[in-house]
Amino acid sequence: MGEQARDSFVKKLQETASERAIPIDRLSCRDLPDKDGFELIVKSGGKERIFTISDAQSVTDPEGEIDLLINQIGDNE
């Protein structure tokens, strides 16, 4: 997956969190060697969580995947 697609996914996640008043203290990504996807590291409410996002999830249904992530991040609050 291209860096552009990942950056777009992360930007949409940040915008959705902001719209829903879910505070995210830190958000970063790292590539997964030899795998089609990346890890998304989210620090919110003093907790850090790592989500593995496949290329397919981030491209075919980014809104659905973002909703799932936002719900999980919001549960930390």
Protein backbone atom coordinates (compact mmCIF):
# COMPACT_ATOMS: atom_id res chain seq x y z
CA MET A 1 0.00 0.00 0.00
CA GLY A 2 1.21 3.46 -0.72
CA GLU A 3 2.14 5.93 1.92
CA GLN A 4 -0.52 8.25 0.50
CA ALA A 5 -3.32 5.76 1.22
CA ARG A 6 -2.09 5.26 4.78
CA ASP A 7 -1.78 9.01 5.36
CA SER A 8 -5.30 9.50 4.03
CA PHE A 9 -6.63 6.82 6.39
CA VAL A 10 -4.87 8.41 9.38
CA LYS A 11 -6.14 11.88 8.44
CA LYS A 12 -9.73 10.59 8.22
CA LEU A 13 -9.31 8.91 11.61
CA GLN A 14 -8.06 12.17 13.17
CA GLU A 15 -10.93 14.15 11.63
CA THR A 16 -13.53 11.65 12.83
CA ALA A 17 -12.08 11.61 16.35
CA SER A 18 -12.15 15.40 16.42
CA GLU A 19 -15.77 15.53 15.19
CA ARG A 20 -16.82 13.08 17.90
CA ALA A 21 -14.78 14.80 20.62
CA ILE A 22 -12.58 11.73 21.18
CA PRO A 23 -9.22 13.06 22.41
CA ILE A 24 -6.17 11.50 20.81
CA ASP A 25 -2.93 12.48 22.50
CA ARG A 26 -0.64 10.79 19.97
CA LEU A 27 -1.11 8.94 16.72
CA SER A 28 1.63 7.23 14.73
CA CYS A 29 2.09 4.40 12.25
CA ARG A 30 4.70 1.85 11.44
CA ASP A 31 4.98 -0.49 8.51
CA LEU A 32 4.70 -4.22 9.03
CA PRO A 33 7.63 -5.99 7.36
CA ASP A 34 6.57 -8.66 4.89
CA LYS A 35 2.87 -7.95 5.44
CA ASP A 36 0.24 -5.95 3.60
CA GLY A 37 -0.67 -3.41 6.21
CA PHE A 38 0.57 -1.25 9.04
CA GLU A 39 0.28 -0.78 12.78
CA LEU A 40 -1.55 2.23 14.10
CA ILE A 41 -0.40 3.34 17.55
CA VAL A 42 -2.94 5.48 19.39
CA LYS A 43 -2.44 7.12 22.76
CA SER A 44 -5.65 8.41 24.28
CA GLY A 45 -6.73 8.98 27.85
CA GLY A 46 -3.35 7.87 29.16
CA LYS A 47 -3.60 4.49 27.45
CA GLU A 48 -1.71 3.33 24.39
CA ARG A 49 -3.29 0.86 22.01
CA ILE A 50 -1.90 -0.73 18.88
CA PHE A 51 -4.17 -1.68 16.00
CA THR A 52 -3.11 -3.72 13.00
CA ILE A 53 -4.71 -2.38 9.84
CA SER A 54 -4.54 -4.37 6.63
CA ASP A 55 -4.28 -2.71 3.26
CA ALA A 56 -7.71 -4.10 2.36
CA GLN A 57 -9.31 -2.60 5.48
CA SER A 58 -7.81 0.81 4.89
CA VAL A 59 -8.72 0.97 1.21
CA THR A 60 -11.98 -0.94 0.69
CA ASP A 61 -13.90 0.23 3.78
CA PRO A 62 -11.99 3.02 5.52
CA GLU A 63 -15.13 4.58 7.05
CA GLY A 64 -16.23 1.28 8.58
CA GLU A 65 -12.76 0.56 9.93
CA ILE A 66 -12.45 4.08 11.32
CA ASP A 67 -15.81 3.74 13.09
CA LEU A 68 -14.60 0.53 14.76
CA LEU A 69 -11.36 2.18 15.86
CA ILE A 70 -13.12 5.30 17.17
CA ASN A 71 -15.48 3.13 19.21
CA GLN A 72 -12.56 1.21 20.73
CA ILE A 73 -10.59 4.38 21.44
CA GLY A 74 -13.69 6.00 22.96
CA ASP A 75 -14.12 3.01 25.29
CA ASN A 76 -10.81 4.03 26.90
CA GLU A 77 -12.30 7.26 28.16
